Amino acid sequence: MYHYPPSILSLIKHLSRFPGIGEKTAERLAMHILKMSHSDAQQLAHSIMALKESIQLCCMCFALSDSKVCKICSDASRDSSTLCVVEQPGDMASIEKSGAFRGLYHILQGALSPMNNIGPDEIHFRELMERVNSEPVKEVVLATSTSVEGEATASFIADRLAQFEIKITRIASGVPIGGDLKYVDQVTLQRAMETRYAL
């Protein structure tokens, strides 16, 4: 690696800091960037800087947005009576890609984790309670992860929302379509058995 000049080594070092990018992948990316035209490299650099300068959190749902209110929250065709609670913007993006949900979102920007000193005040829990109290919400869908933290977060929120006259639901989880039972972990199988339904 030391046969590269300092400018390439610096780029490789920075690229390897990305999640899932090791040194070899970073080296390949650096070589690709080196082969790009000057114009394409400028556009890439401009896109990165524009991202850092313009992206903010939606003031309503805390999604990533380039304006004060995100496109989903400002879309009048969305069902404002249904609120889906997720941990991160990527979770919202996954649900949106499925096309299965037409309501609004509330992004916690994390999950409860006492071991890491993350309590209700470190996530957007208070804002969720305020939304449910002030907006015409009839159902809250808890779509946090099935990790220990995600389950604890869903349980905590469901307990606190019980004071409101709303429907509280949890997304189903279990054996994936096309999944082979012998490769499914025990926790997933347990959840699949617990959430089985009649045909």
N, C-alpha and C. Protein backbone atom coordinates (compact mmCIF):
# COMPACT_ATOMS: atom_id res chain seq x y z
N MET A 1 0.82 -1.20 0.00
CA MET A 1 0.00 0.00 0.00
C MET A 1 0.87 1.27 0.00
N TYR A 2 2.07 1.15 0.54
CA TYR A 2 2.92 2.33 0.68
C TYR A 2 3.50 2.80 -0.65
N HIS A 3 3.25 2.03 -1.72
CA HIS A 3 3.76 2.46 -3.02
C HIS A 3 2.86 3.54 -3.64
N TYR A 4 1.72 3.84 -3.01
CA TYR A 4 0.85 4.91 -3.49
C TYR A 4 1.32 6.25 -2.93
N PRO A 5 1.07 7.32 -3.68
CA PRO A 5 1.42 8.64 -3.16
C PRO A 5 0.49 9.04 -2.01
N PRO A 6 0.91 10.00 -1.20
CA PRO A 6 0.12 10.39 -0.01
C PRO A 6 -1.33 10.77 -0.31
N SER A 7 -1.60 11.41 -1.46
CA SER A 7 -2.97 11.83 -1.78
C SER A 7 -3.89 10.63 -1.95
N ILE A 8 -3.41 9.55 -2.57
CA ILE A 8 -4.22 8.34 -2.74
C ILE A 8 -4.37 7.61 -1.41
N LEU A 9 -3.28 7.54 -0.65
CA LEU A 9 -3.34 6.90 0.67
C LEU A 9 -4.35 7.61 1.58
N SER A 10 -4.40 8.93 1.48
CA SER A 10 -5.34 9.70 2.28
C SER A 10 -6.78 9.37 1.89
N LEU A 11 -7.04 9.28 0.58
CA LEU A 11 -8.39 8.95 0.11
C LEU A 11 -8.78 7.54 0.54
N ILE A 12 -7.86 6.59 0.41
CA ILE A 12 -8.12 5.21 0.84
C ILE A 12 -8.44 5.17 2.33
N LYS A 13 -7.67 5.92 3.10
CA LYS A 13 -7.89 5.96 4.55
C LYS A 13 -9.29 6.48 4.88
N HIS A 14 -9.71 7.55 4.20
CA HIS A 14 -11.02 8.12 4.47
C HIS A 14 -12.15 7.22 3.99
N LEU A 15 -11.97 6.60 2.82
CA LEU A 15 -13.01 5.70 2.30
C LEU A 15 -13.17 4.46 3.17
N SER A 16 -12.08 3.99 3.75
CA SER A 16 -12.15 2.77 4.57
C SER A 16 -12.87 3.00 5.90
N ARG A 17 -13.18 4.25 6.21
CA ARG A 17 -13.93 4.56 7.43
C ARG A 17 -15.43 4.32 7.24
N PHE A 18 -15.87 4.18 5.99
CA PHE A 18 -17.28 3.90 5.74
C PHE A 18 -17.64 2.52 6.25
N PRO A 19 -18.85 2.35 6.80
CA PRO A 19 -19.26 1.02 7.28
C PRO A 19 -19.28 0.00 6.15
N GLY A 20 -18.70 -1.16 6.42
CA GLY A 20 -18.69 -2.24 5.43
C GLY A 20 -17.62 -2.09 4.36
N ILE A 21 -16.81 -1.03 4.43
CA ILE A 21 -15.75 -0.81 3.44
C ILE A 21 -14.40 -1.10 4.09
N GLY A 22 -13.79 -2.17 3.63
CA GLY A 22 -12.46 -2.51 4.12
C GLY A 22 -11.39 -1.80 3.30
N GLU A 23 -10.15 -2.07 3.62
CA GLU A 23 -9.05 -1.39 2.95
C GLU A 23 -8.98 -1.72 1.45
N LYS A 24 -9.25 -3.00 1.10
CA LYS A 24 -9.18 -3.39 -0.32
C LYS A 24 -10.29 -2.74 -1.13
N THR A 25 -11.49 -2.70 -0.57
CA THR A 25 -12.61 -2.05 -1.26
C THR A 25 -12.33 -0.55 -1.38
N ALA A 26 -11.80 0.03 -0.32
CA ALA A 26 -11.45 1.46 -0.35
C ALA A 26 -10.41 1.74 -1.42
N GLU A 27 -9.47 0.83 -1.58
CA GLU A 27 -8.43 0.98 -2.61
C GLU A 27 -9.06 0.95 -4.00
N ARG A 28 -10.01 0.00 -4.22
CA ARG A 28 -10.68 -0.08 -5.52
C ARG A 28 -11.50 1.18 -5.80
N LEU A 29 -12.18 1.68 -4.78
CA LEU A 29 -12.97 2.91 -4.95
C LEU A 29 -12.06 4.10 -5.27
N ALA A 30 -10.93 4.17 -4.59
CA ALA A 30 -9.98 5.26 -4.84
C ALA A 30 -9.47 5.21 -6.28
N MET A 31 -9.17 4.00 -6.76
CA MET A 31 -8.70 3.84 -8.14
C MET A 31 -9.81 4.23 -9.13
N HIS A 32 -11.05 3.91 -8.79
CA HIS A 32 -12.18 4.28 -9.66
C HIS A 32 -12.32 5.80 -9.70
N ILE A 33 -12.23 6.43 -8.54
CA ILE A 33 -12.33 7.90 -8.48
C ILE A 33 -11.20 8.54 -9.28
N LEU A 34 -10.02 7.94 -9.20
CA LEU A 34 -8.87 8.45 -9.94
C LEU A 34 -9.11 8.40 -11.45
N LYS A 35 -9.81 7.37 -11.91
CA LYS A 35 -10.08 7.21 -13.35
C LYS A 35 -11.25 8.08 -13.83
N MET A 36 -12.05 8.60 -12.89
CA MET A 36 -13.17 9.45 -13.27
C MET A 36 -12.68 10.72 -13.95
N SER A 37 -13.54 11.30 -14.77
CA SER A 37 -13.20 12.58 -15.38
C SER A 37 -13.18 13.65 -14.29
N HIS A 38 -12.51 14.73 -14.57
CA HIS A 38 -12.42 15.83 -13.60
C HIS A 38 -13.83 16.33 -13.27
N SER A 39 -14.69 16.40 -14.28
CA SER A 39 -16.06 16.88 -14.10
C SER A 39 -16.86 15.95 -13.18
N ASP A 40 -16.75 14.63 -13.39
CA ASP A 40 -17.48 13.67 -12.55
C ASP A 40 -16.98 13.71 -11.11
N ALA A 41 -15.66 13.86 -10.95
CA ALA A 41 -15.09 13.95 -9.60
C ALA A 41 -15.58 15.21 -8.89
N GLN A 42 -15.69 16.31 -9.63
CA GLN A 42 -16.21 17.55 -9.05
C GLN A 42 -17.67 17.39 -8.65
N GLN A 43 -18.44 16.72 -9.50
CA GLN A 43 -19.86 16.50 -9.19
C GLN A 43 -20.02 15.63 -7.94
N LEU A 44 -19.17 14.61 -7.80
CA LEU A 44 -19.20 13.76 -6.61
C LEU A 44 -18.88 14.58 -5.37
N ALA A 45 -17.82 15.39 -5.44
CA ALA A 45 -17.43 16.23 -4.30
C ALA A 45 -18.54 17.23 -3.98
N HIS A 46 -19.14 17.80 -5.02
CA HIS A 46 -20.23 18.76 -4.82
C HIS A 46 -21.43 18.09 -4.15
N SER A 47 -21.76 16.86 -4.58
CA SER A 47 -22.89 16.13 -3.99
C SER A 47 -22.67 15.87 -2.50
N ILE A 48 -21.44 15.52 -2.15
CA ILE A 48 -21.12 15.27 -0.74
C ILE A 48 -21.26 16.55 0.07
N MET A 49 -20.74 17.65 -0.44
CA MET A 49 -20.83 18.92 0.29
C MET A 49 -22.27 19.42 0.37
N ALA A 50 -23.02 19.25 -0.72
CA ALA A 50 -24.43 19.67 -0.72
C ALA A 50 -25.22 18.87 0.29
N LEU A 51 -24.91 17.59 0.40
CA LEU A 51 -25.56 16.72 1.38
C LEU A 51 -25.31 17.23 2.79
N LYS A 52 -24.07 17.54 3.09
CA LYS A 52 -23.71 18.01 4.43
C LYS A 52 -24.32 19.37 4.75
N GLU A 53 -24.48 20.20 3.73
CA GLU A 53 -24.97 21.57 3.96
C GLU A 53 -26.49 21.68 3.96
N SER A 54 -27.19 20.81 3.21
CA SER A 54 -28.63 21.01 3.04
C SER A 54 -29.51 20.03 3.82
N ILE A 55 -28.99 18.86 4.16
CA ILE A 55 -29.84 17.86 4.82
C ILE A 55 -30.07 18.23 6.28
N GLN A 56 -31.33 18.14 6.69
CA GLN A 56 -31.72 18.41 8.07
C GLN A 56 -32.79 17.39 8.46
N LEU A 57 -33.24 17.43 9.70
CA LEU A 57 -34.30 16.54 10.14
C LEU A 57 -35.64 17.24 10.00
N CYS A 58 -36.61 16.54 9.47
CA CYS A 58 -37.97 17.07 9.34
C CYS A 58 -38.45 17.47 10.74
N CYS A 59 -39.08 18.63 10.84
CA CYS A 59 -39.52 19.13 12.15
C CYS A 59 -40.72 18.35 12.70
N MET A 60 -41.34 17.51 11.85
CA MET A 60 -42.49 16.75 12.31
C MET A 60 -42.15 15.29 12.64
N CYS A 61 -41.49 14.62 11.69
CA CYS A 61 -41.25 13.17 11.87
C CYS A 61 -39.79 12.81 12.12
N PHE A 62 -38.88 13.77 11.92
CA PHE A 62 -37.43 13.56 12.12
C PHE A 62 -36.79 12.69 11.04
N ALA A 63 -37.41 12.68 9.87
CA ALA A 63 -36.80 12.03 8.71
C ALA A 63 -35.75 12.97 8.12
N LEU A 64 -34.85 12.42 7.31
CA LEU A 64 -33.89 13.26 6.60
C LEU A 64 -34.63 14.05 5.53
N SER A 65 -34.35 15.33 5.45
CA SER A 65 -35.07 16.19 4.52
C SER A 65 -34.19 17.34 4.08
N ASP A 66 -34.51 17.90 2.90
CA ASP A 66 -33.79 19.09 2.46
C ASP A 66 -34.64 20.34 2.66
N SER A 67 -35.75 20.18 3.40
CA SER A 67 -36.59 21.32 3.77
C SER A 67 -37.10 21.10 5.19
N LYS A 68 -37.75 22.12 5.76
CA LYS A 68 -38.19 22.03 7.15
C LYS A 68 -39.15 20.87 7.37
N VAL A 69 -40.05 20.65 6.41
CA VAL A 69 -41.01 19.54 6.47
C VAL A 69 -40.72 18.61 5.30
N CYS A 70 -40.60 17.31 5.57
CA CYS A 70 -40.25 16.36 4.51
C CYS A 70 -41.41 16.14 3.54
N LYS A 71 -41.13 15.48 2.44
CA LYS A 71 -42.14 15.25 1.39
C LYS A 71 -43.29 14.39 1.89
N ILE A 72 -43.00 13.42 2.74
CA ILE A 72 -44.07 12.54 3.23
C ILE A 72 -45.00 13.29 4.16
N CYS A 73 -44.47 14.06 5.08
CA CYS A 73 -45.31 14.82 6.02
C CYS A 73 -46.13 15.90 5.31
N SER A 74 -45.61 16.43 4.20
CA SER A 74 -46.33 17.49 3.48
C SER A 74 -47.26 16.94 2.40
N ASP A 75 -47.31 15.62 2.25
CA ASP A 75 -48.16 14.98 1.24
C ASP A 75 -49.58 14.81 1.78
N ALA A 76 -50.51 15.59 1.26
CA ALA A 76 -51.91 15.57 1.74
C ALA A 76 -52.61 14.25 1.48
N SER A 77 -52.08 13.44 0.57
CA SER A 77 -52.73 12.16 0.25
C SER A 77 -52.38 11.05 1.26
N ARG A 78 -51.44 11.32 2.15
CA ARG A 78 -51.07 10.32 3.16
C ARG A 78 -52.13 10.27 4.26
N ASP A 79 -52.28 9.09 4.87
CA ASP A 79 -53.25 8.88 5.94
C ASP A 79 -52.66 9.39 7.25
N SER A 80 -53.10 10.57 7.69
CA SER A 80 -52.54 11.18 8.90
C SER A 80 -53.05 10.54 10.18
N SER A 81 -54.01 9.60 10.06
CA SER A 81 -54.54 8.94 11.27
C SER A 81 -53.70 7.74 11.68
N THR A 82 -52.76 7.33 10.82
CA THR A 82 -51.90 6.18 11.12
C THR A 82 -50.45 6.63 11.18
N LEU A 83 -49.80 6.32 12.28
CA LEU A 83 -48.42 6.74 12.52
C LEU A 83 -47.55 5.51 12.72
N CYS A 84 -46.52 5.39 11.91
CA CYS A 84 -45.59 4.26 12.01
C CYS A 84 -44.31 4.73 12.70
N VAL A 85 -43.97 4.08 13.81
CA VAL A 85 -42.80 4.46 14.60
C VAL A 85 -41.63 3.54 14.24
N VAL A 86 -40.54 4.14 13.79
CA VAL A 86 -39.33 3.38 13.43
C VAL A 86 -38.13 3.96 14.16
N GLU A 87 -37.03 3.22 14.13
CA GLU A 87 -35.83 3.67 14.84
C GLU A 87 -35.01 4.66 14.03
N GLN A 88 -34.79 4.36 12.74
CA GLN A 88 -33.87 5.15 11.93
C GLN A 88 -34.49 5.50 10.57
N PRO A 89 -33.97 6.55 9.89
CA PRO A 89 -34.48 6.90 8.56
C PRO A 89 -34.42 5.74 7.56
N GLY A 90 -33.40 4.89 7.68
CA GLY A 90 -33.29 3.74 6.78
C GLY A 90 -34.44 2.76 6.93
N ASP A 91 -34.98 2.67 8.16
CA ASP A 91 -36.14 1.79 8.40
C ASP A 91 -37.36 2.32 7.67
N MET A 92 -37.54 3.64 7.72
CA MET A 92 -38.64 4.27 7.00
C MET A 92 -38.49 4.04 5.50
N ALA A 93 -37.27 4.18 4.99
CA ALA A 93 -37.02 3.99 3.56
C ALA A 93 -37.38 2.57 3.13
N SER A 94 -37.05 1.58 3.97
CA SER A 94 -37.37 0.19 3.64
C SER A 94 -38.87 -0.02 3.56
N ILE A 95 -39.62 0.55 4.50
CA ILE A 95 -41.08 0.41 4.49
C ILE A 95 -41.66 1.12 3.28
N GLU A 96 -41.13 2.28 2.95
CA GLU A 96 -41.62 3.03 1.78
C GLU A 96 -41.40 2.24 0.50
N LYS A 97 -40.24 1.59 0.39
CA LYS A 97 -39.94 0.79 -0.81
C LYS A 97 -40.93 -0.35 -0.99
N SER A 98 -41.45 -0.87 0.14
CA SER A 98 -42.40 -1.99 0.06
C SER A 98 -43.74 -1.54 -0.48
N GLY A 99 -44.06 -0.25 -0.34
CA GLY A 99 -45.34 0.27 -0.81
C GLY A 99 -46.53 -0.18 0.03
N ALA A 100 -46.27 -0.75 1.20
CA ALA A 100 -47.34 -1.34 2.01
C ALA A 100 -47.93 -0.37 3.03
N PHE A 101 -47.38 0.83 3.13
CA PHE A 101 -47.85 1.75 4.16
C PHE A 101 -48.07 3.13 3.56
N ARG A 102 -49.22 3.74 3.83
CA ARG A 102 -49.53 5.05 3.27
C ARG A 102 -49.81 6.10 4.35
N GLY A 103 -49.42 5.80 5.59
CA GLY A 103 -49.61 6.76 6.66
C GLY A 103 -48.39 7.65 6.83
N LEU A 104 -48.26 8.22 8.01
CA LEU A 104 -47.12 9.07 8.34
C LEU A 104 -46.15 8.32 9.26
N TYR A 105 -44.97 8.88 9.45
CA TYR A 105 -43.93 8.23 10.24
C TYR A 105 -43.52 9.08 11.44
N HIS A 106 -42.90 8.41 12.39
CA HIS A 106 -42.21 9.10 13.48
C HIS A 106 -40.90 8.35 13.69
N ILE A 107 -39.80 9.02 13.47
CA ILE A 107 -38.48 8.39 13.55
C ILE A 107 -37.82 8.74 14.88
N LEU A 108 -37.58 7.73 15.67
CA LEU A 108 -37.03 7.93 17.02
C LEU A 108 -35.57 8.37 17.00
N GLN A 109 -34.86 8.06 15.93
CA GLN A 109 -33.42 8.31 15.83
C GLN A 109 -32.66 7.54 16.91
N GLY A 110 -33.10 6.29 17.12
CA GLY A 110 -32.42 5.43 18.08
C GLY A 110 -33.39 4.49 18.77
N ALA A 111 -32.88 3.73 19.71
CA ALA A 111 -33.69 2.80 20.51
C ALA A 111 -33.19 2.86 21.94
N LEU A 112 -34.08 2.51 22.86
CA LEU A 112 -33.69 2.51 24.27
C LEU A 112 -32.59 1.49 24.52
N SER A 113 -31.57 1.90 25.23
CA SER A 113 -30.45 1.02 25.54
C SER A 113 -29.80 1.49 26.84
N PRO A 114 -30.32 1.04 27.99
CA PRO A 114 -29.76 1.46 29.29
C PRO A 114 -28.26 1.21 29.41
N MET A 115 -27.78 0.14 28.78
CA MET A 115 -26.35 -0.19 28.85
C MET A 115 -25.49 0.91 28.21
N ASN A 116 -26.09 1.60 27.21
CA ASN A 116 -25.37 2.67 26.51
C ASN A 116 -25.87 4.05 26.92
N ASN A 117 -26.57 4.10 28.06
CA ASN A 117 -27.11 5.35 28.59
C ASN A 117 -28.05 6.06 27.61
N ILE A 118 -28.83 5.27 26.86
CA ILE A 118 -29.83 5.85 25.96
C ILE A 118 -31.21 5.58 26.55
N GLY A 119 -31.80 6.63 27.10
CA GLY A 119 -33.14 6.55 27.68
C GLY A 119 -34.14 7.29 26.82
N PRO A 120 -35.36 7.46 27.29
CA PRO A 120 -36.41 8.16 26.53
C PRO A 120 -36.02 9.57 26.11
N ASP A 121 -35.20 10.24 26.91
CA ASP A 121 -34.81 11.62 26.59
C ASP A 121 -33.79 11.69 25.46
N GLU A 122 -33.13 10.58 25.15
CA GLU A 122 -32.12 10.56 24.08
C GLU A 122 -32.72 10.19 22.73
N ILE A 123 -33.96 9.77 22.69
CA ILE A 123 -34.66 9.49 21.43
C ILE A 123 -35.87 10.43 21.36
N HIS A 124 -36.54 10.47 20.24
CA HIS A 124 -37.66 11.41 20.07
C HIS A 124 -38.96 10.82 20.61
N PHE A 125 -38.92 10.41 21.88
CA PHE A 125 -40.10 9.84 22.52
C PHE A 125 -41.09 10.92 22.95
N ARG A 126 -40.58 11.98 23.56
CA ARG A 126 -41.46 13.07 24.02
C ARG A 126 -42.24 13.66 22.85
N GLU A 127 -41.58 13.84 21.72
CA GLU A 127 -42.23 14.38 20.53
C GLU A 127 -43.32 13.44 20.01
N LEU A 128 -43.08 12.12 20.15
CA LEU A 128 -44.10 11.14 19.75
C LEU A 128 -45.35 11.31 20.59
N MET A 129 -45.16 11.43 21.89
CA MET A 129 -46.30 11.60 22.79
C MET A 129 -47.06 12.89 22.47
N GLU A 130 -46.33 13.93 22.14
CA GLU A 130 -46.96 15.20 21.78
C GLU A 130 -47.78 15.07 20.50
N ARG A 131 -47.24 14.33 19.52
CA ARG A 131 -47.95 14.14 18.26
C ARG A 131 -49.24 13.36 18.47
N VAL A 132 -49.15 12.29 19.23
CA VAL A 132 -50.34 11.46 19.47
C VAL A 132 -51.40 12.27 20.23
N ASN A 133 -50.95 13.14 21.10
CA ASN A 133 -51.87 13.95 21.91
C ASN A 133 -52.52 15.07 21.10
N SER A 134 -51.81 15.61 20.11
CA SER A 134 -52.31 16.78 19.39
C SER A 134 -52.80 16.52 17.97
N GLU A 135 -52.38 15.42 17.36
CA GLU A 135 -52.78 15.12 15.98
C GLU A 135 -53.89 14.06 15.96
N PRO A 136 -54.63 13.96 14.85
CA PRO A 136 -55.76 13.00 14.77
C PRO A 136 -55.30 11.55 14.55
N VAL A 137 -54.43 11.06 15.43
CA VAL A 137 -53.88 9.71 15.29
C VAL A 137 -54.85 8.69 15.86
N LYS A 138 -55.18 7.68 15.05
CA LYS A 138 -56.06 6.60 15.48
C LYS A 138 -55.31 5.30 15.71
N GLU A 139 -54.16 5.15 15.03
CA GLU A 139 -53.37 3.93 15.18
C GLU A 139 -51.88 4.27 15.16
N VAL A 140 -51.13 3.65 16.07
CA VAL A 140 -49.67 3.75 16.06
C VAL A 140 -49.13 2.36 15.78
N VAL A 141 -48.36 2.24 14.71
CA VAL A 141 -47.74 0.98 14.31
C VAL A 141 -46.30 1.01 14.81
N LEU A 142 -45.95 0.09 15.70
CA LEU A 142 -44.60 0.03 16.23
C LEU A 142 -43.75 -0.87 15.33
N ALA A 143 -42.83 -0.25 14.60
CA ALA A 143 -42.01 -0.98 13.64
C ALA A 143 -40.53 -0.89 14.01
N THR A 144 -40.25 -1.00 15.31
CA THR A 144 -38.86 -1.03 15.76
C THR A 144 -38.29 -2.41 15.46
N SER A 145 -36.99 -2.54 15.56
CA SER A 145 -36.33 -3.81 15.23
C SER A 145 -36.69 -4.89 16.24
N THR A 146 -36.34 -6.13 15.90
CA THR A 146 -36.60 -7.26 16.80
C THR A 146 -35.41 -7.55 17.71
N SER A 147 -34.46 -6.61 17.76
CA SER A 147 -33.34 -6.75 18.70
C SER A 147 -33.87 -6.54 20.12
N VAL A 148 -33.03 -6.83 21.10
CA VAL A 148 -33.43 -6.61 22.50
C VAL A 148 -33.82 -5.15 22.71
N GLU A 149 -33.02 -4.23 22.17
CA GLU A 149 -33.30 -2.80 22.32
C GLU A 149 -34.58 -2.41 21.60
N GLY A 150 -34.77 -2.94 20.39
CA GLY A 150 -35.98 -2.63 19.63
C GLY A 150 -37.24 -3.12 20.30
N GLU A 151 -37.18 -4.34 20.85
CA GLU A 151 -38.33 -4.91 21.56
C GLU A 151 -38.62 -4.12 22.83
N ALA A 152 -37.57 -3.74 23.55
CA ALA A 152 -37.74 -2.96 24.78
C ALA A 152 -38.35 -1.60 24.46
N THR A 153 -37.91 -1.01 23.36
CA THR A 153 -38.45 0.29 22.94
C THR A 153 -39.92 0.19 22.59
N ALA A 154 -40.28 -0.84 21.82
CA ALA A 154 -41.68 -1.04 21.43
C ALA A 154 -42.56 -1.25 22.66
N SER A 155 -42.07 -2.06 23.60
CA SER A 155 -42.82 -2.34 24.82
C SER A 155 -43.01 -1.07 25.66
N PHE A 156 -41.95 -0.28 25.77
CA PHE A 156 -42.00 0.97 26.54
C PHE A 156 -43.00 1.93 25.93
N ILE A 157 -42.94 2.09 24.61
CA ILE A 157 -43.84 3.02 23.92
C ILE A 157 -45.29 2.55 24.04
N ALA A 158 -45.52 1.25 23.83
CA ALA A 158 -46.88 0.71 23.93
C ALA A 158 -47.46 0.96 25.31
N ASP A 159 -46.63 0.78 26.33
CA ASP A 159 -47.08 1.00 27.71
C ASP A 159 -47.47 2.45 27.94
N ARG A 160 -46.67 3.39 27.42
CA ARG A 160 -46.94 4.81 27.61
C ARG A 160 -48.12 5.30 26.76
N LEU A 161 -48.32 4.67 25.60
CA LEU A 161 -49.43 5.08 24.73
C LEU A 161 -50.77 4.52 25.17
N ALA A 162 -50.74 3.61 26.13
CA ALA A 162 -51.99 2.97 26.59
C ALA A 162 -52.97 3.99 27.19
N GLN A 163 -52.46 5.16 27.58
CA GLN A 163 -53.34 6.19 28.15
C GLN A 163 -54.23 6.85 27.11
N PHE A 164 -53.88 6.70 25.84
CA PHE A 164 -54.66 7.30 24.76
C PHE A 164 -55.66 6.28 24.19
N GLU A 165 -56.77 6.75 23.69
CA GLU A 165 -57.76 5.87 23.07
C GLU A 165 -57.41 5.65 21.61
N ILE A 166 -56.33 4.93 21.38
CA ILE A 166 -55.87 4.64 20.03
C ILE A 166 -55.52 3.16 19.92
N LYS A 167 -55.44 2.70 18.70
CA LYS A 167 -55.04 1.32 18.43
C LYS A 167 -53.50 1.28 18.37
N ILE A 168 -52.92 0.33 19.09
CA ILE A 168 -51.47 0.17 19.08
C ILE A 168 -51.15 -1.20 18.50
N THR A 169 -50.39 -1.22 17.41
CA THR A 169 -50.06 -2.49 16.76
C THR A 169 -48.54 -2.62 16.63
N ARG A 170 -48.10 -3.85 16.44
CA ARG A 170 -46.67 -4.17 16.27
C ARG A 170 -46.53 -4.92 14.96
N ILE A 171 -45.57 -4.55 14.13
CA ILE A 171 -45.40 -5.27 12.87
C ILE A 171 -45.07 -6.73 13.16
N ALA A 172 -45.56 -7.60 12.29
CA ALA A 172 -45.30 -9.03 12.44
C ALA A 172 -43.86 -9.33 12.06
N SER A 173 -43.33 -10.39 12.63
CA SER A 173 -42.00 -10.84 12.25
C SER A 173 -41.98 -12.36 12.34
N GLY A 174 -41.11 -12.96 11.60
CA GLY A 174 -41.06 -14.42 11.61
C GLY A 174 -40.26 -14.96 10.45
N VAL A 175 -40.65 -16.11 9.95
CA VAL A 175 -39.92 -16.80 8.89
C VAL A 175 -40.08 -16.02 7.58
N PRO A 176 -38.98 -15.66 6.93
CA PRO A 176 -39.09 -14.93 5.67
C PRO A 176 -39.63 -15.81 4.55
N ILE A 177 -40.30 -15.20 3.59
CA ILE A 177 -40.83 -15.93 2.43
C ILE A 177 -39.65 -16.55 1.69
N GLY A 178 -39.77 -17.82 1.41
CA GLY A 178 -38.69 -18.54 0.74
C GLY A 178 -37.63 -19.05 1.69
N GLY A 179 -37.82 -18.78 3.00
CA GLY A 179 -36.83 -19.20 3.99
C GLY A 179 -36.95 -20.67 4.34
N ASP A 180 -35.83 -21.30 4.58
CA ASP A 180 -35.78 -22.71 4.98
C ASP A 180 -35.72 -22.76 6.51
N LEU A 181 -36.65 -23.50 7.13
CA LEU A 181 -36.75 -23.52 8.59
C LEU A 181 -35.45 -23.90 9.28
N LYS A 182 -34.67 -24.80 8.68
CA LYS A 182 -33.46 -25.24 9.37
C LYS A 182 -32.40 -24.15 9.45
N TYR A 183 -32.57 -23.06 8.69
CA TYR A 183 -31.60 -21.97 8.73
C TYR A 183 -32.11 -20.76 9.52
N VAL A 184 -33.34 -20.84 10.03
CA VAL A 184 -33.94 -19.71 10.76
C VAL A 184 -33.55 -19.80 12.23
N ASP A 185 -33.14 -18.68 12.81
CA ASP A 185 -32.71 -18.69 14.21
C ASP A 185 -33.88 -18.94 15.15
N GLN A 186 -33.59 -19.33 16.38
CA GLN A 186 -34.61 -19.74 17.35
C GLN A 186 -35.54 -18.60 17.75
N VAL A 187 -35.01 -17.39 17.88
CA VAL A 187 -35.84 -16.26 18.27
C VAL A 187 -36.87 -15.95 17.19
N THR A 188 -36.43 -16.01 15.93
CA THR A 188 -37.34 -15.76 14.81
C THR A 188 -38.42 -16.83 14.74
N LEU A 189 -38.03 -18.10 14.95
CA LEU A 189 -39.01 -19.19 14.94
C LEU A 189 -40.01 -19.04 16.07
N GLN A 190 -39.52 -18.64 17.23
CA GLN A 190 -40.41 -18.43 18.38
C GLN A 190 -41.43 -17.35 18.05
N ARG A 191 -40.96 -16.23 17.47
CA ARG A 191 -41.87 -15.14 17.12
C ARG A 191 -42.88 -15.60 16.05
N ALA A 192 -42.42 -16.39 15.10
CA ALA A 192 -43.30 -16.89 14.05
C ALA A 192 -44.41 -17.77 14.63
N MET A 193 -44.05 -18.58 15.61
CA MET A 193 -45.06 -19.44 16.25
C MET A 193 -46.04 -18.61 17.07
N GLU A 194 -45.54 -17.60 17.73
CA GLU A 194 -46.39 -16.76 18.58
C GLU A 194 -47.36 -15.91 17.76
N THR A 195 -46.96 -15.54 16.54
CA THR A 195 -47.82 -14.69 15.72
C THR A 195 -48.49 -15.47 14.59
N ARG A 196 -48.62 -16.78 14.75
CA ARG A 196 -49.28 -17.59 13.71
C ARG A 196 -50.75 -17.17 13.57
N TYR A 197 -51.31 -17.43 12.40
CA TYR A 197 -52.69 -17.03 12.13
C TYR A 197 -53.45 -18.15 11.43
N ALA A 198 -54.78 -18.10 11.53
CA ALA A 198 -55.62 -19.14 10.94
C ALA A 198 -55.75 -18.94 9.44
N LEU A 199 -55.89 -20.04 8.71
CA LEU A 199 -56.08 -19.97 7.24
C LEU A 199 -57.53 -20.20 6.90
